[in-house]
Amino acid sequence: MTASGSIRRPARPPRIAVLSVSPAREDHFHLQEILSSPQRTLYPDLAFSVTAKSTVPAAVGVLKHGRTSIVVCENDLSPGAWKELLDCADRLPAPPPIIVTSRLADERMWAEVLNLGGYNVLAKPLDGEEVVRTIAAAWSLWRHQFQGMAAGSLEAGGNAA
């Protein structure tokens, strides 16, 4: 109970809206499985929702609606796909971090992604702990950068539109 006599409800965990962009259905499934696993011990107080899209135009449509906290994009989607999403995200008031996934993740790719403004590169097959750690860190940075925008909107996992 609070000092005013009202009952204090437990705080809901923040919900992080993740946009998964890949032509492979198994990529979306695996990401969802990692983020919703009841055995997940890293950041158990965070909740995730995953929106799956298989093309850049479909993903851009989701980004423009402004309810995305993090973008996870397959490098092999098409040449330059993650760069197109980065360009689109950069035009938003609260651009979500872009995380690139690839079977051929190497130093050159990592350097390119970081130098162009992406957040990180994750090697496939995805490691569950690394995925959760990376997404949680990207979300924390994003949330703190845009904390003053549209109170409540960010905590719900969306960009201020």
Protein backbone atom coordinates (compact mmCIF):
# COMPACT_ATOMS: atom_id res chain seq x y z
CA MET A 1 0.00 0.00 0.00
CA THR A 2 1.11 3.54 -0.65
CA ALA A 3 0.94 6.42 1.83
CA SER A 4 -2.44 7.43 0.36
CA GLY A 5 -3.85 3.98 1.12
CA SER A 6 -4.05 2.78 -2.47
CA ILE A 7 -2.71 -0.60 -3.44
CA ARG A 8 0.56 -0.50 -5.35
CA ARG A 9 0.51 -2.67 -8.42
CA PRO A 10 3.72 -4.35 -9.46
CA ALA A 11 5.39 -2.53 -12.34
CA ARG A 12 4.93 -4.18 -15.72
CA PRO A 13 8.18 -5.10 -17.37
CA PRO A 14 9.07 -2.90 -20.33
CA ARG A 15 8.10 -4.44 -23.67
CA ILE A 16 10.74 -4.12 -26.34
CA ALA A 17 9.31 -4.07 -29.86
CA VAL A 18 11.72 -5.92 -32.16
CA LEU A 19 11.37 -5.84 -35.95
CA SER A 20 12.89 -8.98 -37.48
CA VAL A 21 13.69 -8.63 -41.19
CA SER A 22 14.66 -11.78 -43.07
CA PRO A 23 13.38 -13.83 -46.00
CA ALA A 24 13.85 -17.00 -43.91
CA ARG A 25 10.92 -17.90 -41.65
CA GLU A 26 13.24 -19.90 -39.42
CA ASP A 27 15.18 -16.69 -38.60
CA HIS A 28 12.01 -15.09 -37.21
CA PHE A 29 11.05 -18.25 -35.37
CA HIS A 30 14.51 -18.65 -33.82
CA LEU A 31 14.64 -15.01 -32.71
CA GLN A 32 11.16 -15.27 -31.18
CA GLU A 33 12.14 -18.52 -29.46
CA ILE A 34 15.25 -16.92 -27.94
CA LEU A 35 13.44 -13.80 -26.73
CA SER A 36 10.42 -15.61 -25.27
CA SER A 37 12.21 -18.55 -23.70
CA PRO A 38 11.09 -19.19 -20.10
CA GLN A 39 14.64 -20.41 -19.43
CA ARG A 40 16.09 -17.01 -20.36
CA THR A 41 18.14 -15.84 -17.37
CA LEU A 42 19.57 -12.63 -18.84
CA TYR A 43 17.29 -9.66 -18.20
CA PRO A 44 14.28 -11.69 -17.02
CA ASP A 45 12.46 -8.41 -16.26
CA LEU A 46 12.29 -7.47 -19.96
CA ALA A 47 9.54 -8.61 -22.31
CA PHE A 48 9.90 -8.71 -26.08
CA SER A 49 7.46 -8.64 -28.97
CA VAL A 50 8.70 -9.62 -32.42
CA THR A 51 7.21 -8.40 -35.69
CA ALA A 52 8.45 -10.47 -38.64
CA LYS A 53 8.83 -9.09 -42.15
CA SER A 54 10.50 -10.74 -45.12
CA THR A 55 11.16 -7.71 -47.33
CA VAL A 56 12.62 -4.23 -46.99
CA PRO A 57 9.42 -2.47 -48.20
CA ALA A 58 7.34 -4.34 -45.61
CA ALA A 59 9.87 -3.49 -42.88
CA VAL A 60 9.90 0.18 -43.91
CA GLY A 61 6.13 0.22 -43.52
CA VAL A 62 6.47 -1.00 -39.94
CA LEU A 63 9.23 1.52 -39.19
CA LYS A 64 7.13 4.40 -40.49
CA HIS A 65 4.36 3.50 -38.03
CA GLY A 66 6.85 4.29 -35.27
CA ARG A 67 6.35 1.35 -32.93
CA THR A 68 9.77 -0.29 -33.24
CA SER A 69 12.52 -0.22 -30.61
CA ILE A 70 15.09 -2.47 -32.30
CA VAL A 71 15.61 -3.78 -35.85
CA VAL A 72 17.30 -7.13 -36.45
CA CYS A 73 18.05 -7.47 -40.17
CA GLU A 74 19.56 -10.38 -42.09
CA ASN A 75 22.57 -9.25 -44.12
CA ASP A 76 21.74 -11.60 -47.00
CA LEU A 77 18.21 -10.22 -47.48
CA SER A 78 19.41 -8.38 -50.57
CA PRO A 79 22.43 -6.25 -51.34
CA GLY A 80 22.27 -3.15 -49.17
CA ALA A 81 19.03 -4.10 -47.41
CA TRP A 82 20.19 -3.26 -43.91
CA LYS A 83 21.59 0.04 -45.24
CA GLU A 84 18.16 0.92 -46.64
CA LEU A 85 16.60 0.21 -43.25
CA LEU A 86 19.30 2.26 -41.52
CA ASP A 87 18.59 5.17 -43.89
CA CYS A 88 14.84 4.91 -43.22
CA ALA A 89 15.35 4.64 -39.46
CA ASP A 90 17.66 7.67 -39.43
CA ARG A 91 14.79 9.83 -40.70
CA LEU A 92 12.61 8.95 -37.70
CA PRO A 93 12.40 11.13 -34.57
CA ALA A 94 13.68 8.22 -32.43
CA PRO A 95 15.59 5.95 -34.83
CA PRO A 96 15.78 2.36 -33.59
CA PRO A 97 19.20 0.68 -33.53
CA ILE A 98 19.91 -1.66 -36.44
CA ILE A 99 21.48 -5.04 -35.63
CA VAL A 100 22.70 -7.03 -38.63
CA THR A 101 22.82 -10.84 -38.64
CA SER A 102 24.94 -12.96 -40.96
CA ARG A 103 26.49 -16.38 -41.31
CA LEU A 104 29.60 -14.62 -42.59
CA ALA A 105 29.98 -12.06 -39.80
CA ASP A 106 33.58 -10.90 -39.79
CA GLU A 107 35.61 -7.86 -38.76
CA ARG A 108 35.08 -6.15 -42.11
CA MET A 109 31.30 -6.44 -41.88
CA TRP A 110 31.30 -5.38 -38.24
CA ALA A 111 33.42 -2.31 -39.08
CA GLU A 112 31.13 -1.39 -41.99
CA VAL A 113 27.96 -1.71 -39.91
CA LEU A 114 29.39 0.38 -37.05
CA ASN A 115 30.94 3.00 -39.35
CA LEU A 116 27.64 3.54 -41.17
CA GLY A 117 25.69 3.91 -37.91
CA GLY A 118 24.42 0.39 -37.25
CA TYR A 119 24.48 -0.91 -33.69
CA ASN A 120 26.11 -4.34 -33.98
CA VAL A 121 26.53 -7.56 -35.95
CA LEU A 122 25.42 -10.96 -34.67
CA ALA A 123 26.83 -14.15 -36.13
CA LYS A 124 24.47 -16.91 -37.20
CA PRO A 125 23.52 -19.34 -35.91
CA LEU A 126 22.39 -16.97 -33.20
CA ASP A 127 23.61 -17.48 -29.65
CA GLY A 128 20.69 -16.90 -27.26
CA GLU A 129 22.60 -15.07 -24.54
CA GLU A 130 24.40 -12.85 -27.06
CA VAL A 131 21.10 -11.96 -28.76
CA VAL A 132 19.41 -11.00 -25.50
CA ARG A 133 22.47 -9.10 -24.25
CA THR A 134 22.83 -7.17 -27.52
CA ILE A 135 19.15 -6.31 -27.89
CA ALA A 136 18.82 -5.27 -24.23
CA ALA A 137 21.92 -3.04 -24.47
CA ALA A 138 20.74 -1.46 -27.73
CA TRP A 139 17.29 -0.85 -26.27
CA SER A 140 18.71 0.67 -23.09
CA LEU A 141 20.86 3.09 -25.10
CA TRP A 142 17.93 3.94 -27.40
CA ARG A 143 15.55 4.50 -24.49
CA HIS A 144 17.99 6.83 -22.72
CA GLN A 145 18.69 8.81 -25.89
CA PHE A 146 15.01 9.49 -26.48
CA GLN A 147 13.71 9.47 -22.90
CA GLY A 148 12.00 12.86 -23.12
CA MET A 149 10.00 12.06 -26.25
CA ALA A 150 6.29 11.27 -25.95
CA ALA A 151 6.25 9.96 -22.39
CA GLY A 152 4.82 6.48 -22.25
CA SER A 153 5.30 5.81 -25.95
CA LEU A 154 8.90 4.69 -25.52
CA GLU A 155 8.18 2.48 -22.55
CA ALA A 156 5.55 0.74 -24.63
CA GLY A 157 8.32 -0.07 -27.05
CA GLY A 158 7.50 2.39 -29.78
CA ASN A 159 9.05 5.40 -31.38
CA ALA A 160 7.46 8.73 -30.85
CA ALA A 161 5.67 9.34 -34.11
